[in-house]
Amino acid sequence: MNTRALPPSTGSKLSTNANVKAYASDWAVVLILLVYFFSIAEHANPFQRQFSITDLSIAHPFATEERVSGIACILLASILPLAIMFSVTILKTYTNKTSSKYDPLHIFQISLLGLALSIFLDGVVTDILKNWIARPRPDFLARCGVKIDNQPGELLDVSVCSAPLGVPLLLDGMRSTPSGHSSISFAAFLYLSLWLSGQFKLFTSTPQHMYKYILVFLPLLLATYVASSRVQDYRHHFMDVILGSVLGSTIASSVYFHYWSGIQSDTCDSPRSFKNAPEHVLPL
């Protein structure tokens, strides 16, 4: 249907409905990832790797108060980018600063879709890796509470643990690599930085004021703080944080450039149009 031949209000409504339907399968993937993440991935038991009580890298104290808790990390990574993207979309619409051919509702839909997919895909991949690798956290011995005497250097398993902090915290103590806080923070905030740079066309041929570049990359500073806090709380080793940050950045970049034009493109503030044409679920 050629929406240009219709009155503006009707064409916009039909275009919006068509765009929503075109991305229904993508939203279904997000929903599946969300359900899997909260109902299965976050509660799966890790491989029970052997350890030694003479290993000083896992002998740090257990911090009862975290600088950024798990719930705070998820809320921060979801609500803050969502609020910023919504505000920028509204601001550009009402100040006529947008050059995209798409209506604001569609732009916001793709913005939210990319953010949600980045967060929940990253969360599922991170939890799978945590349970497979099963590296003890820096505070693992405090969670374990070894209840038998053993020879120095002897390898033990969780059967010797008294779990003074509870079994759930004991098992979570073997889910150190990669850092979930680091991966989710960089998945959300790198996506936000890329999105902002595209919406304001900061990397096109026309240079802009330096303060805009600084503001756009402030989310990455926040992600770095969240990641660094995990080392300060003795929840993760340095390598856990590095791997988590790389994982989150990789997923954020992949998702962003899947849905949006390159940040140096003249159409970097517009979603890619690969969904406009009808397609089969599987190639015939």
Protein backbone atom coordinates (compact mmCIF):
# COMPACT_ATOMS: atom_id res chain seq x y z
CA MET A 1 0.00 0.00 0.00
CA ASN A 2 1.32 3.45 -0.93
CA THR A 3 0.79 5.53 2.20
CA ARG A 4 1.86 8.73 0.42
CA ALA A 5 -1.43 8.77 -1.49
CA LEU A 6 -3.42 8.84 1.74
CA PRO A 7 -4.14 11.78 4.04
CA PRO A 8 -1.22 12.41 6.43
CA SER A 9 -2.98 11.17 9.57
CA THR A 10 -4.25 7.99 7.92
CA GLY A 11 -0.95 7.25 6.25
CA SER A 12 0.93 7.69 9.51
CA LYS A 13 -1.48 5.38 11.35
CA LEU A 14 -1.23 2.65 8.72
CA SER A 15 2.51 3.00 8.51
CA THR A 16 2.82 2.69 12.28
CA ASN A 17 0.59 -0.39 12.39
CA ALA A 18 2.56 -2.01 9.58
CA ASN A 19 5.85 -1.29 11.31
CA VAL A 20 4.62 -2.73 14.60
CA LYS A 21 3.48 -5.92 12.89
CA ALA A 22 6.75 -6.18 10.94
CA TYR A 23 8.72 -6.34 14.20
CA ALA A 24 6.37 -8.70 16.03
CA SER A 25 8.82 -11.61 15.74
CA ASP A 26 11.63 -9.47 17.18
CA TRP A 27 9.46 -8.52 20.14
CA ALA A 28 8.63 -12.21 20.61
CA VAL A 29 12.36 -12.97 20.82
CA VAL A 30 12.75 -10.27 23.48
CA LEU A 31 9.86 -11.74 25.48
CA ILE A 32 11.34 -15.25 25.30
CA LEU A 33 14.74 -13.98 26.41
CA LEU A 34 13.15 -12.00 29.25
CA VAL A 35 11.21 -15.02 30.56
CA TYR A 36 14.24 -17.32 30.21
CA PHE A 37 16.52 -14.82 31.94
CA PHE A 38 14.38 -14.27 35.03
CA SER A 39 12.84 -17.75 35.37
CA ILE A 40 15.70 -20.09 34.34
CA ALA A 41 19.08 -18.47 33.67
CA GLU A 42 19.24 -16.53 36.93
CA HIS A 43 18.38 -19.66 38.98
CA ALA A 44 20.45 -22.33 37.21
CA ASN A 45 23.14 -24.06 39.30
CA PRO A 46 26.74 -23.68 38.16
CA PHE A 47 29.27 -26.45 37.59
CA GLN A 48 30.82 -27.20 40.98
CA ARG A 49 34.49 -26.52 40.32
CA GLN A 50 37.16 -27.65 42.77
CA PHE A 51 39.05 -25.08 44.82
CA SER A 52 41.79 -24.74 47.43
CA ILE A 53 41.59 -22.93 50.75
CA THR A 54 45.15 -21.71 50.22
CA ASP A 55 44.07 -19.73 47.15
CA LEU A 56 44.29 -16.12 48.34
CA SER A 57 42.44 -14.82 45.25
CA ILE A 58 39.19 -16.24 46.67
CA ALA A 59 39.86 -15.39 50.32
CA HIS A 60 38.46 -11.84 50.40
CA PRO A 61 35.66 -10.88 52.83
CA PHE A 62 32.00 -10.97 51.86
CA ALA A 63 30.59 -7.44 51.43
CA THR A 64 27.13 -7.24 52.98
CA GLU A 65 26.45 -3.91 51.27
CA GLU A 66 27.24 -3.58 47.57
CA ARG A 67 27.96 -0.29 45.86
CA VAL A 68 25.56 -1.29 43.07
CA SER A 69 23.24 -4.21 43.82
CA GLY A 70 21.98 -6.61 41.19
CA ILE A 71 18.49 -5.11 41.18
CA ALA A 72 19.89 -1.57 41.07
CA CYS A 73 22.07 -2.53 38.11
CA ILE A 74 19.15 -3.89 36.08
CA LEU A 75 16.92 -0.91 36.92
CA LEU A 76 19.70 1.55 36.11
CA ALA A 77 20.51 -0.15 32.81
CA SER A 78 16.88 -0.24 31.71
CA ILE A 79 15.10 2.82 33.11
CA LEU A 80 17.79 5.46 32.54
CA PRO A 81 18.37 4.71 28.81
CA LEU A 82 14.61 4.34 28.30
CA ALA A 83 13.93 7.74 29.88
CA ILE A 84 16.68 9.42 27.87
CA MET A 85 15.57 7.91 24.55
CA PHE A 86 11.95 8.85 25.20
CA SER A 87 12.89 12.42 26.14
CA VAL A 88 15.17 12.91 23.13
CA THR A 89 12.55 11.53 20.75
CA ILE A 90 9.88 13.86 22.14
CA LEU A 91 12.26 16.83 22.14
CA LYS A 92 13.33 16.30 18.53
CA THR A 93 9.71 15.88 17.43
CA TYR A 94 8.37 19.05 19.05
CA THR A 95 11.35 21.19 18.02
CA ASN A 96 11.25 19.88 14.43
CA LYS A 97 14.88 18.76 14.68
CA THR A 98 14.26 15.33 13.21
CA SER A 99 15.21 14.59 9.60
CA SER A 100 14.05 10.99 9.59
CA LYS A 101 11.31 9.91 7.19
CA TYR A 102 9.84 7.68 9.92
CA ASP A 103 7.25 8.82 12.44
CA PRO A 104 8.43 9.28 16.06
CA LEU A 105 6.45 6.28 17.33
CA HIS A 106 8.31 3.95 14.99
CA ILE A 107 11.67 5.48 15.91
CA PHE A 108 10.93 5.02 19.61
CA GLN A 109 9.74 1.45 19.00
CA ILE A 110 13.03 0.48 17.36
CA SER A 111 14.97 2.35 20.05
CA LEU A 112 13.23 0.41 22.80
CA LEU A 113 13.45 -2.87 20.89
CA GLY A 114 17.21 -2.54 20.46
CA LEU A 115 17.71 -1.65 24.13
CA ALA A 116 15.58 -4.56 25.37
CA LEU A 117 17.24 -7.04 23.04
CA SER A 118 20.71 -5.85 24.09
CA ILE A 119 19.95 -6.21 27.80
CA PHE A 120 18.19 -9.58 27.78
CA LEU A 121 20.36 -11.25 25.14
CA ASP A 122 23.38 -10.14 27.14
CA GLY A 123 21.82 -11.38 30.38
CA VAL A 124 21.11 -14.86 28.98
CA VAL A 125 24.55 -15.26 27.39
CA THR A 126 26.26 -13.99 30.54
CA ASP A 127 24.39 -16.42 32.82
CA ILE A 128 25.12 -19.37 30.52
CA LEU A 129 28.84 -18.52 30.56
CA LYS A 130 28.80 -18.02 34.34
CA ASN A 131 27.40 -21.50 34.92
CA TRP A 132 29.69 -23.19 32.39
CA ILE A 133 32.90 -21.51 33.55
CA ALA A 134 31.96 -21.64 37.25
CA ARG A 135 34.95 -19.66 38.51
CA PRO A 136 34.84 -18.97 42.28
CA ARG A 137 34.33 -15.34 43.26
CA PRO A 138 36.97 -13.44 45.26
CA ASP A 139 34.81 -13.86 48.39
CA PHE A 140 34.09 -17.56 47.83
CA LEU A 141 35.81 -18.92 50.96
CA ALA A 142 33.70 -16.62 53.14
CA ARG A 143 30.60 -18.01 51.46
CA CYS A 144 31.87 -21.58 51.78
CA GLY A 145 32.94 -21.81 55.43
CA VAL A 146 35.08 -24.94 55.13
CA LYS A 147 34.12 -27.28 58.00
CA ILE A 148 36.95 -29.85 57.87
CA ASP A 149 40.71 -29.84 58.23
CA ASN A 150 42.68 -30.54 55.10
CA GLN A 151 46.22 -30.67 53.86
CA PRO A 152 47.54 -27.42 52.32
CA GLY A 153 47.11 -27.47 48.55
CA GLU A 154 44.45 -30.16 48.59
CA LEU A 155 41.60 -29.60 46.13
CA LEU A 156 38.11 -29.56 47.61
CA ASP A 157 34.55 -29.28 46.40
CA VAL A 158 31.41 -27.70 47.86
CA SER A 159 30.65 -30.81 49.91
CA VAL A 160 33.09 -29.47 52.54
CA CYS A 161 31.25 -26.13 52.83
CA SER A 162 29.02 -25.25 55.75
CA ALA A 163 27.45 -22.36 53.76
CA PRO A 164 27.23 -19.87 56.67
CA LEU A 165 25.54 -17.31 54.41
CA GLY A 166 23.10 -19.81 52.87
CA VAL A 167 23.21 -22.27 50.01
CA PRO A 168 22.02 -19.79 47.34
CA LEU A 169 24.93 -17.45 48.11
CA LEU A 170 27.32 -20.39 48.17
CA LEU A 171 26.32 -21.51 44.69
CA ASP A 172 26.30 -17.94 43.43
CA GLY A 173 29.88 -17.75 44.69
CA MET A 174 30.88 -19.97 41.76
CA ARG A 175 29.42 -17.67 39.11
CA SER A 176 32.19 -15.10 38.83
CA THR A 177 33.10 -15.12 35.13
CA PRO A 178 32.03 -12.98 33.33
CA SER A 179 30.77 -10.10 35.45
CA GLY A 180 27.02 -9.66 34.92
CA HIS A 181 27.02 -6.09 36.20
CA SER A 182 29.76 -5.20 33.72
CA SER A 183 28.17 -6.93 30.73
CA ILE A 184 24.65 -5.58 31.27
CA SER A 185 25.90 -2.06 31.99
CA PHE A 186 27.97 -1.91 28.82
CA ALA A 187 25.22 -3.60 26.79
CA ALA A 188 22.75 -0.90 27.85
CA PHE A 189 24.95 2.19 28.05
CA LEU A 190 27.04 1.58 24.93
CA TYR A 191 23.79 1.06 23.03
CA LEU A 192 22.58 4.37 24.49
CA SER A 193 25.80 6.18 23.49
CA LEU A 194 25.60 4.84 19.94
CA TRP A 195 21.93 5.79 19.76
CA LEU A 196 22.59 9.34 20.96
CA SER A 197 25.49 9.79 18.57
CA GLY A 198 23.23 8.69 15.72
CA GLN A 199 20.28 10.84 16.73
CA PHE A 200 22.47 13.95 16.96
CA LYS A 201 24.65 12.97 13.96
CA LEU A 202 27.87 13.57 15.82
CA PHE A 203 30.08 11.58 13.47
CA THR A 204 28.83 12.81 10.11
CA SER A 205 30.81 15.26 7.96
CA THR A 206 29.67 18.30 9.97
CA PRO A 207 31.65 18.75 13.22
CA GLN A 208 29.76 19.81 16.33
CA HIS A 209 30.58 21.35 19.71
CA MET A 210 32.78 19.23 21.96
CA TYR A 211 30.33 19.26 24.88
CA LYS A 212 27.90 17.16 22.82
CA TYR A 213 30.49 14.40 22.39
CA ILE A 214 31.24 14.47 26.12
CA LEU A 215 27.54 14.22 27.02
CA VAL A 216 26.98 11.36 24.59
CA PHE A 217 29.78 9.29 26.10
CA LEU A 218 28.89 9.95 29.74
CA PRO A 219 26.84 6.71 29.82
CA LEU A 220 30.07 4.79 29.22
CA LEU A 221 31.57 6.45 32.28
CA LEU A 222 28.60 5.22 34.30
CA ALA A 223 29.06 1.71 32.89
CA THR A 224 32.74 1.83 33.85
CA TYR A 225 31.84 2.84 37.42
CA VAL A 226 29.38 -0.03 37.78
CA ALA A 227 31.94 -2.50 36.41
CA SER A 228 34.72 -1.18 38.66
CA SER A 229 32.51 -1.38 41.74
CA ARG A 230 32.40 -5.16 41.40
CA VAL A 231 36.14 -5.36 42.01
CA GLN A 232 35.89 -2.98 44.96
CA ASP A 233 33.15 -5.14 46.51
CA TYR A 234 35.26 -8.28 45.94
CA ARG A 235 32.46 -9.80 43.89
CA HIS A 236 34.62 -10.25 40.78
CA HIS A 237 38.18 -10.61 39.61
CA PHE A 238 39.61 -8.01 37.23
CA MET A 239 39.43 -10.44 34.30
CA ASP A 240 35.72 -11.06 35.01
CA VAL A 241 35.04 -7.34 34.65
CA ILE A 242 37.09 -7.08 31.44
CA LEU A 243 35.37 -10.07 29.84
CA GLY A 244 31.94 -8.83 30.91
CA SER A 245 32.59 -5.37 29.50
CA VAL A 246 33.79 -6.80 26.18
CA LEU A 247 30.78 -9.13 25.99
CA GLY A 248 28.29 -6.35 26.71
CA SER A 249 29.97 -4.00 24.23
CA THR A 250 29.97 -6.65 21.51
CA ILE A 251 26.26 -7.39 21.95
CA ALA A 252 25.33 -3.69 22.13
CA SER A 253 27.25 -2.87 18.94
CA SER A 254 25.84 -5.86 17.07
CA VAL A 255 22.24 -5.06 18.03
CA TYR A 256 22.58 -1.34 17.35
CA PHE A 257 24.02 -1.74 13.85
CA HIS A 258 21.44 -4.42 13.11
CA TYR A 259 18.61 -1.93 13.54
CA TRP A 260 20.22 1.43 12.76
CA SER A 261 22.25 2.96 9.97
CA GLY A 262 25.96 3.54 10.56
CA ILE A 263 26.81 6.50 12.79
CA GLN A 264 28.70 8.18 9.91
CA SER A 265 25.75 7.85 7.55
CA ASP A 266 23.53 10.80 6.64
CA THR A 267 20.58 8.65 7.77
CA CYS A 268 22.13 7.58 11.08
CA ASP A 269 19.10 8.90 12.97
CA SER A 270 16.78 6.53 11.09
CA PRO A 271 16.16 2.81 11.56
CA ARG A 272 17.31 0.55 8.76
CA SER A 273 14.50 -0.31 6.35
CA PHE A 274 15.18 -4.02 5.92
CA LYS A 275 11.84 -4.84 7.57
CA ASN A 276 9.72 -2.88 5.13
CA ALA A 277 9.41 -5.68 2.59
CA PRO A 278 7.41 -8.83 3.43
CA GLU A 279 9.54 -11.87 4.16
CA HIS A 280 9.19 -15.54 4.98
CA VAL A 281 10.10 -16.85 8.43
CA LEU A 282 12.52 -19.26 6.80
CA PRO A 283 14.05 -19.06 3.29
CA LEU A 284 12.28 -21.17 0.74
